[in-house]
Protein backbone atom coordinates (compact mmCIF):
# COMPACT_ATOMS: atom_id res chain seq x y z
CA MET A 1 210.43 180.88 -107.42
CA TRP A 2 211.81 177.81 -109.20
CA ALA A 3 215.29 178.41 -107.84
CA VAL A 4 213.92 178.52 -104.29
CA PHE A 5 211.85 175.40 -104.91
CA ALA A 6 214.96 173.61 -106.18
CA GLY A 7 216.68 174.49 -102.91
CA GLY A 8 213.70 173.05 -101.06
CA LEU A 9 213.96 169.83 -103.07
CA VAL A 10 217.59 169.47 -102.01
CA ALA A 11 216.60 170.05 -98.38
CA GLY A 12 213.91 167.38 -98.64
CA ALA A 13 216.44 165.01 -100.19
CA TYR A 14 218.63 165.29 -97.10
CA ILE A 15 215.81 163.74 -95.09
CA GLY A 16 214.83 161.20 -97.73
CA LYS A 17 218.36 159.86 -98.28
CA VAL A 18 218.57 158.33 -94.80
CA PRO A 19 215.70 155.82 -94.29
CA PRO A 20 216.75 153.44 -97.12
CA ALA A 21 220.32 153.48 -95.77
CA LEU A 22 219.41 152.83 -92.12
CA PRO A 23 219.68 149.02 -92.29
CA ILE A 24 223.14 149.34 -93.90
CA LEU A 25 224.28 151.98 -91.41
CA ARG A 26 223.01 149.81 -88.58
CA ALA A 27 225.12 146.90 -89.82
CA ASP A 28 228.21 149.01 -90.60
CA PHE A 29 228.34 150.66 -87.18
CA ASP A 30 226.75 147.78 -85.17
CA LEU A 31 223.93 149.96 -83.85
CA THR A 32 220.73 149.28 -81.93
CA LEU A 33 217.33 150.30 -83.30
CA ILE A 34 217.29 153.36 -81.04
CA GLU A 35 220.82 154.43 -82.06
CA THR A 36 219.83 154.05 -85.69
CA GLY A 37 216.86 156.33 -85.05
CA TYR A 38 219.18 159.08 -83.86
CA ILE A 39 220.86 159.13 -87.28
CA ALA A 40 217.51 159.82 -88.91
CA THR A 41 216.39 162.40 -86.37
CA MET A 42 219.64 164.23 -85.54
CA LEU A 43 218.95 166.52 -88.50
CA ASN A 44 215.90 167.72 -86.60
CA VAL A 45 217.80 168.66 -83.44
CA MET A 46 219.16 171.89 -84.90
CA GLY A 47 215.79 172.89 -86.28
CA GLY A 48 214.16 172.09 -82.96
CA ALA A 49 216.71 174.23 -81.15
CA VAL A 50 216.96 177.33 -83.34
CA GLY A 51 214.17 177.28 -85.91
CA MET A 52 212.57 180.46 -84.63
CA PHE A 53 215.91 182.24 -84.37
CA ALA A 54 216.68 181.31 -87.98
CA GLY A 55 213.36 182.89 -88.92
CA ILE A 56 214.13 186.06 -86.95
CA PHE A 57 217.55 186.48 -88.58
CA SER A 58 216.00 185.71 -91.96
CA ASP A 59 213.45 188.50 -91.50
CA ARG A 60 215.99 190.91 -90.13
CA PHE A 61 219.03 190.40 -92.38
CA GLY A 62 217.63 189.02 -95.63
CA HIS A 63 216.08 185.73 -96.69
CA LYS A 64 218.46 185.10 -99.59
CA ARG A 65 221.53 185.22 -97.35
CA ILE A 66 220.01 182.70 -94.94
CA ALA A 67 218.97 180.37 -97.78
CA LEU A 68 222.47 180.41 -99.28
CA GLY A 69 224.04 179.77 -95.90
CA GLY A 70 221.74 176.81 -95.41
CA LEU A 71 222.67 175.22 -98.73
CA ALA A 72 226.37 175.67 -97.94
CA LEU A 73 225.98 174.01 -94.54
CA MET A 74 224.10 171.06 -96.04
CA ALA A 75 226.92 170.53 -98.52
CA ALA A 76 229.55 170.68 -95.76
CA GLY A 77 227.61 168.33 -93.50
CA GLY A 78 227.13 165.80 -96.30
CA LEU A 79 230.85 165.73 -97.11
CA LEU A 80 231.73 165.34 -93.43
CA GLY A 81 229.29 162.43 -93.15
CA ALA A 82 230.75 160.73 -96.20
CA LEU A 83 234.18 160.80 -94.52
CA ALA A 84 232.94 159.84 -91.03
CA PRO A 85 234.88 156.87 -89.60
CA GLY A 86 232.46 156.32 -86.73
CA TYR A 87 229.02 156.88 -85.28
CA ALA A 88 229.81 160.11 -83.38
CA LEU A 89 231.12 162.01 -86.41
CA LEU A 90 228.19 160.82 -88.49
CA LEU A 91 225.82 162.29 -85.90
CA LEU A 92 227.75 165.57 -86.00
CA SER A 93 227.44 165.69 -89.78
CA ARG A 94 223.68 165.22 -89.50
CA PHE A 95 223.61 168.09 -87.00
CA LEU A 96 225.27 170.38 -89.57
CA GLU A 97 222.87 169.18 -92.24
CA GLY A 98 220.04 170.04 -89.87
CA ALA A 99 221.31 173.59 -89.45
CA GLY A 100 221.40 174.01 -93.23
CA PHE A 101 217.99 172.39 -93.65
CA ILE A 102 216.26 174.73 -91.22
CA MET A 103 217.93 177.83 -92.71
CA MET A 104 216.87 176.94 -96.26
CA THR A 105 213.31 175.94 -95.40
CA VAL A 106 212.66 178.87 -93.07
CA ALA A 107 213.80 181.38 -95.68
CA GLY A 108 212.01 179.57 -98.51
CA VAL A 109 208.45 180.50 -97.53
CA ALA A 110 209.30 184.20 -97.28
CA LEU A 111 211.20 184.14 -100.60
CA ILE A 112 208.22 182.52 -102.33
CA ALA A 113 205.74 184.88 -100.67
CA HIS A 114 207.65 187.92 -101.92
CA ALA A 115 208.08 186.47 -105.42
CA VAL A 116 204.37 186.12 -106.30
CA SER A 117 201.19 188.17 -106.07
CA SER A 118 198.53 187.58 -103.42
CA ALA A 119 196.28 185.90 -105.99
CA GLU A 120 199.03 183.45 -106.98
CA ARG A 121 200.10 182.72 -103.42
CA PRO A 122 197.93 179.62 -102.69
CA LYS A 123 199.25 177.81 -105.77
CA ALA A 124 202.81 178.96 -105.11
CA MET A 125 202.63 177.75 -101.52
CA ALA A 126 201.24 174.42 -102.72
CA LEU A 127 204.28 174.10 -104.98
CA TRP A 128 206.63 174.99 -102.13
CA SER A 129 204.89 172.49 -99.83
CA CYS A 130 205.96 169.72 -102.23
CA TYR A 131 209.63 170.24 -101.39
CA MET A 132 209.66 167.60 -98.67
CA PRO A 133 207.71 164.75 -100.34
CA ALA A 134 209.12 165.42 -103.82
CA GLY A 135 212.72 165.82 -102.66
CA GLY A 136 212.39 162.94 -100.21
CA SER A 137 210.91 160.51 -102.72
CA LEU A 138 213.49 161.40 -105.38
CA ALA A 139 216.25 160.84 -102.83
CA MET A 140 214.79 157.47 -101.87
CA LEU A 141 214.63 156.38 -105.50
CA ALA A 142 218.24 157.51 -105.96
CA ALA A 143 219.17 155.66 -102.79
CA SER A 144 217.55 152.43 -103.96
CA LEU A 145 219.71 152.56 -107.11
CA ALA A 146 222.88 153.86 -105.50
CA LEU A 147 222.84 151.43 -102.60
CA ALA A 148 222.46 148.50 -104.99
CA GLU A 149 225.67 149.45 -106.83
CA PHE A 150 227.63 151.70 -104.46
CA ASP A 151 227.97 152.30 -100.74
CA TRP A 152 226.06 154.88 -98.71
CA ARG A 153 229.05 157.25 -98.68
CA SER A 154 228.70 157.76 -102.44
CA LEU A 155 225.08 158.77 -101.88
CA TRP A 156 226.17 161.35 -99.30
CA ILE A 157 228.70 162.85 -101.76
CA LEU A 158 226.05 163.04 -104.49
CA MET A 159 223.72 164.99 -102.21
CA SER A 160 226.51 167.43 -101.34
CA ALA A 161 227.13 168.04 -105.04
CA LEU A 162 223.43 168.82 -105.52
CA SER A 163 223.59 171.31 -102.65
CA ILE A 164 226.48 173.12 -104.33
CA ALA A 165 224.60 173.26 -107.64
CA SER A 166 221.49 174.60 -105.90
CA PHE A 167 223.61 177.23 -104.13
CA ALA A 168 224.76 178.52 -107.53
CA PHE A 169 221.16 178.48 -108.88
CA VAL A 170 219.78 180.50 -105.96
CA ALA A 171 222.74 182.91 -105.94
CA ARG A 172 222.21 183.68 -109.61
CA SER A 173 218.40 183.67 -109.86
CA VAL A 174 217.02 185.16 -106.63
CA PRO A 175 217.18 188.96 -106.40
CA PRO A 176 218.76 190.39 -103.24
CA ARG A 177 215.77 192.63 -102.66
CA ALA A 178 213.84 190.00 -100.63
CA SER A 179 212.60 191.75 -97.54
CA ARG A 180 214.74 192.99 -94.72
CA SER A 181 212.63 193.94 -91.74
CA THR A 182 213.02 197.22 -89.92
CA VAL A 183 211.63 195.62 -86.76
CA GLY A 184 214.21 194.70 -84.07
CA LEU A 185 215.19 191.11 -83.37
CA LEU A 186 213.59 190.85 -79.92
CA ARG A 187 210.43 192.55 -81.08
CA LEU A 188 210.09 190.19 -84.06
CA GLY A 189 210.28 187.21 -81.73
CA ALA A 190 208.03 188.60 -79.01
CA GLU A 191 205.31 189.76 -81.40
CA SER A 192 205.30 186.47 -83.28
CA LEU A 193 205.11 184.42 -80.08
CA ALA A 194 202.23 186.54 -78.86
CA HIS A 195 200.28 186.02 -82.09
CA PRO A 196 197.74 183.17 -81.52
CA ALA A 197 197.44 182.19 -85.20
CA GLY A 198 201.14 181.43 -85.45
CA LEU A 199 201.05 179.19 -82.37
CA LEU A 200 198.07 177.26 -83.73
CA LEU A 201 199.83 176.73 -87.05
CA CYS A 202 202.76 175.34 -85.04
CA LEU A 203 200.44 172.88 -83.26
CA SER A 204 198.79 171.62 -86.44
CA PHE A 205 201.99 171.20 -88.42
CA ALA A 206 203.88 169.60 -85.54
CA GLY A 207 201.12 167.01 -85.14
CA TYR A 208 201.16 166.22 -88.84
CA VAL A 209 204.95 166.07 -89.22
CA ALA A 210 205.38 163.86 -86.15
CA GLN A 211 203.25 161.17 -87.78
CA TRP A 212 204.84 161.61 -91.21
CA ALA A 213 208.38 161.37 -89.83
CA ALA A 214 207.64 158.15 -87.94
CA PHE A 215 206.20 156.53 -91.07
CA MET A 216 209.04 157.63 -93.34
CA THR A 217 211.78 156.61 -90.90
CA TRP A 218 210.59 153.13 -90.07
CA LEU A 219 208.70 151.92 -93.16
CA PRO A 220 211.89 150.60 -94.86
CA THR A 221 213.00 148.93 -91.61
CA PHE A 222 209.56 147.32 -91.19
CA VAL A 223 209.52 146.03 -94.77
CA ILE A 224 213.03 144.58 -94.46
CA GLY A 225 213.14 143.46 -90.83
CA GLU A 226 209.53 142.38 -90.22
CA ARG A 227 208.45 141.20 -93.67
CA GLY A 228 211.75 139.98 -95.13
CA GLY A 229 211.82 142.37 -98.08
CA SER A 230 215.00 143.50 -99.82
CA THR A 231 216.68 146.85 -99.33
CA THR A 232 215.57 147.89 -102.82
CA LEU A 233 211.95 146.92 -102.14
CA GLY A 234 211.96 148.84 -98.87
CA ALA A 235 213.34 151.93 -100.58
CA LEU A 236 210.90 151.73 -103.50
CA LEU A 237 207.82 151.22 -101.32
CA THR A 238 208.86 154.12 -99.11
CA ALA A 239 209.60 156.32 -102.12
CA LEU A 240 206.13 155.61 -103.50
CA TRP A 241 204.66 156.37 -100.09
CA VAL A 242 206.51 159.70 -99.94
CA GLY A 243 205.83 160.53 -103.59
CA ILE A 244 202.05 160.08 -103.32
CA ASN A 245 202.09 162.92 -100.82
CA VAL A 246 202.89 165.30 -103.70
CA PRO A 247 199.47 165.05 -105.46
CA GLY A 248 197.89 165.42 -102.02
CA VAL A 249 199.80 168.67 -101.49
CA LEU A 250 198.77 169.92 -104.93
CA LEU A 251 195.17 168.96 -104.15
CA GLY A 252 195.42 171.17 -101.09
CA GLY A 253 196.53 174.09 -103.26
CA TRP A 254 193.65 173.48 -105.67
CA LEU A 255 191.14 173.36 -102.81
CA MET A 256 192.44 176.60 -101.31
CA ALA A 257 192.42 178.32 -104.69
CA HIS A 258 188.72 177.36 -104.94
CA GLY A 259 187.79 178.74 -101.53
CA ALA A 260 188.29 175.84 -99.12
CA ARG A 261 189.04 176.87 -95.53
CA ARG A 262 192.42 175.76 -94.26
CA SER A 263 190.93 174.86 -90.87
CA ARG A 264 188.48 172.37 -92.37
CA MET A 265 191.21 170.85 -94.51
CA ILE A 266 193.41 170.31 -91.46
CA VAL A 267 190.68 168.74 -89.34
CA LEU A 268 189.35 166.43 -92.05
CA ALA A 269 192.81 165.30 -93.15
CA SER A 270 193.82 164.60 -89.54
CA GLY A 271 190.77 162.38 -89.06
CA ILE A 272 191.57 160.41 -92.22
CA GLN A 273 195.17 160.03 -91.12
CA ALA A 274 194.08 158.61 -87.76
CA LEU A 275 191.97 155.94 -89.49
CA ALA A 276 194.73 155.15 -91.98
CA ALA A 277 197.31 154.85 -89.18
CA ALA A 278 195.09 152.31 -87.46
CA GLY A 279 194.94 150.25 -90.66
CA ALA A 280 198.71 150.42 -91.06
CA PHE A 281 199.84 149.74 -87.49
CA LEU A 282 197.33 147.10 -86.38
CA ASP A 283 198.00 143.56 -87.60
CA VAL A 284 194.47 143.10 -88.89
CA LEU A 285 194.67 143.74 -92.63
CA PRO A 286 196.84 141.74 -95.05
CA ASP A 287 200.14 143.31 -96.07
CA TRP A 288 198.68 144.89 -99.21
CA GLY A 289 195.85 146.40 -97.14
CA ARG A 290 198.27 147.79 -94.60
CA TYR A 291 200.34 149.36 -97.36
CA LEU A 292 197.24 150.89 -98.97
CA SER A 293 196.48 152.41 -95.56
CA CYS A 294 200.00 153.90 -95.59
CA LEU A 295 199.37 155.39 -99.04
CA ALA A 296 196.01 156.86 -97.95
CA PHE A 297 197.73 158.37 -94.91
CA SER A 298 200.32 160.11 -97.07
CA PHE A 299 197.97 161.28 -99.85
CA PHE A 300 195.21 162.81 -97.73
CA GLY A 301 197.67 164.22 -95.21
CA GLY A 302 199.30 166.19 -98.03
CA VAL A 303 196.67 168.92 -97.83
CA ILE A 304 197.92 169.90 -94.36
CA PRO A 305 201.31 171.40 -95.39
CA THR A 306 199.59 173.54 -98.02
CA ALA A 307 197.07 174.79 -95.47
CA VAL A 308 199.79 175.57 -92.94
CA PHE A 309 202.36 177.24 -95.22
CA SER A 310 199.71 179.37 -96.90
CA GLY A 311 198.55 180.23 -93.39
CA VAL A 312 202.05 181.39 -92.47
CA ALA A 313 201.90 184.01 -95.23
CA ALA A 314 198.23 184.89 -94.65
CA LEU A 315 198.03 184.81 -90.83
CA ALA A 316 201.43 186.18 -89.80
CA ARG A 317 201.15 189.39 -87.79
CA THR A 318 202.58 191.43 -90.71
CA PRO A 319 204.53 190.59 -93.89
CA GLN A 320 207.69 191.44 -91.95
CA HIS A 321 206.88 188.57 -89.55
CA ILE A 322 206.51 185.83 -92.19
CA GLY A 323 210.03 184.42 -91.76
CA THR A 324 209.80 184.43 -87.97
CA THR A 325 206.38 182.77 -88.00
CA ASN A 326 207.64 180.13 -90.39
CA GLY A 327 210.66 179.62 -88.14
CA MET A 328 208.29 178.94 -85.23
CA VAL A 329 206.35 176.43 -87.33
CA MET A 330 209.52 174.68 -88.45
CA GLN A 331 210.99 174.63 -84.94
CA ALA A 332 207.87 172.99 -83.52
CA SER A 333 207.78 170.45 -86.32
CA GLN A 334 211.50 169.66 -86.03
CA LEU A 335 211.15 168.97 -82.31
CA THR A 336 208.35 166.49 -82.87
CA GLN A 337 210.20 165.01 -85.87
CA PHE A 338 213.10 164.26 -83.55
CA VAL A 339 210.95 162.78 -80.80
CA SER A 340 208.32 160.78 -82.69
CA PRO A 341 210.52 158.19 -84.48
CA ILE A 342 212.41 157.53 -81.24
CA VAL A 343 209.21 157.10 -79.23
CA VAL A 344 207.67 154.84 -81.86
CA ALA A 345 210.86 152.73 -81.98
CA TRP A 346 211.03 152.52 -78.18
CA ILE A 347 207.44 151.26 -77.92
CA ALA A 348 207.75 148.95 -80.93
CA ALA A 349 210.94 147.35 -79.58
CA ARG A 350 209.16 146.46 -76.32
CA LEU A 351 205.50 145.95 -77.18
CA GLY A 352 205.35 145.59 -80.97
CA TRP A 353 204.46 147.99 -83.78
CA GLY A 354 200.72 147.89 -83.02
CA ALA A 355 201.28 149.41 -79.59
CA SER A 356 202.77 152.52 -81.23
CA LEU A 357 199.37 153.41 -82.69
CA SER A 358 198.41 155.32 -79.55
CA VAL A 359 201.27 157.77 -80.17
CA MET A 360 200.18 158.32 -83.76
CA LEU A 361 196.59 158.97 -82.71
CA ALA A 362 197.74 161.51 -80.11
CA PHE A 363 199.67 163.43 -82.76
CA ALA A 364 196.66 163.36 -85.11
CA ALA A 365 194.52 164.78 -82.32
CA CYS A 366 196.99 167.64 -81.83
CA ALA A 367 196.84 168.54 -85.52
CA ALA A 368 193.04 168.46 -85.51
CA ALA A 369 192.86 170.57 -82.34
CA GLY A 370 194.99 173.24 -84.00
CA GLY A 371 192.70 173.21 -87.03
CA LEU A 372 189.60 173.63 -84.91
CA ALA A 373 191.11 176.63 -83.12
CA ILE A 374 192.21 178.18 -86.44
CA ALA A 375 188.57 177.96 -87.55
CA ARG A 376 187.63 180.48 -84.86
CA ILE A 377 190.28 182.91 -86.11
CA GLU A 378 189.08 182.48 -89.69
CA ARG A 379 185.48 183.21 -88.65
CA SER A 380 186.55 186.36 -86.80
CA LYS A 381 188.56 187.58 -89.81
CA MET A 382 185.59 186.97 -92.10
CA SER A 383 183.30 188.86 -89.76
CA ALA A 384 185.74 191.77 -89.62
């Protein structure tokens, strides 16, 4: 379980390494705000294109193989990016990193689910759900130090080295017995797509991740460009924002272990996030109040990943469909992760940051709607 979680941390770091470096990349390659956004979101393109297929192949041919392949691709993409002479090759490297990211994270849930008992699963899924905020915040802290002394290419090389180390850890520690489904590829996909619970988990997680990605991508740029902060300050404030999501995720695991319904957690957290987004985006509060709103957004939103990932294991059609269902969830979230920072940047560049609040509220409403619909499924399961 710890080997898989370490692989998840590396995957999260590949997302977290970019936001602190965006102002430097923008200056190095003479990019617009929109072009800079593509660097942050190109990793999500691959996941948005093939997330479900990665889940199907993971279920069918073995989760360990897919996880190892993902770590290898992340390492290769990072090295290519470190050597990139121009914008186009840097985007290609992020595309390869995205392929590795989706392979590792899709296989991770199934590997964790098969490593623990049903009673331990809520806590184990809470731990796994920390991979993004924990890995991302650690990467941002590393970036704030590395970018002060070295260039961004050194940071890319460091992340590739961590991927190689994680590859060796997973190869040695994870048994090859992790499930291989006897169900055919097409049937795995068709049955998972026809399963309402999986689609609702996709809706809730996509709504949550869309908001989270927009915050994480543009918070350093806002601190530096709009408030005149340093690169180090932008990285540290964003790392704290990402890191405070971790206790929120663990709180979600504690609540589920004590009988809380995942649907209620999703709906309540989405409502709090909508209020916190208003405090952060509208120029009403002082800077410290706006940042506290950002922290509240990240902390209380942390219960949603725990609710969703535990739901993947609990609400998938069968245990053989866990990887495919998680692939669907990741694919939906990767698509919105690609779109949301670009949309927010497009609106902010024309109308100001406050005008982007409407997009954030729409995503929060999607997450809450998925939670409300999941409540009906939970009630029917309890009745049965």
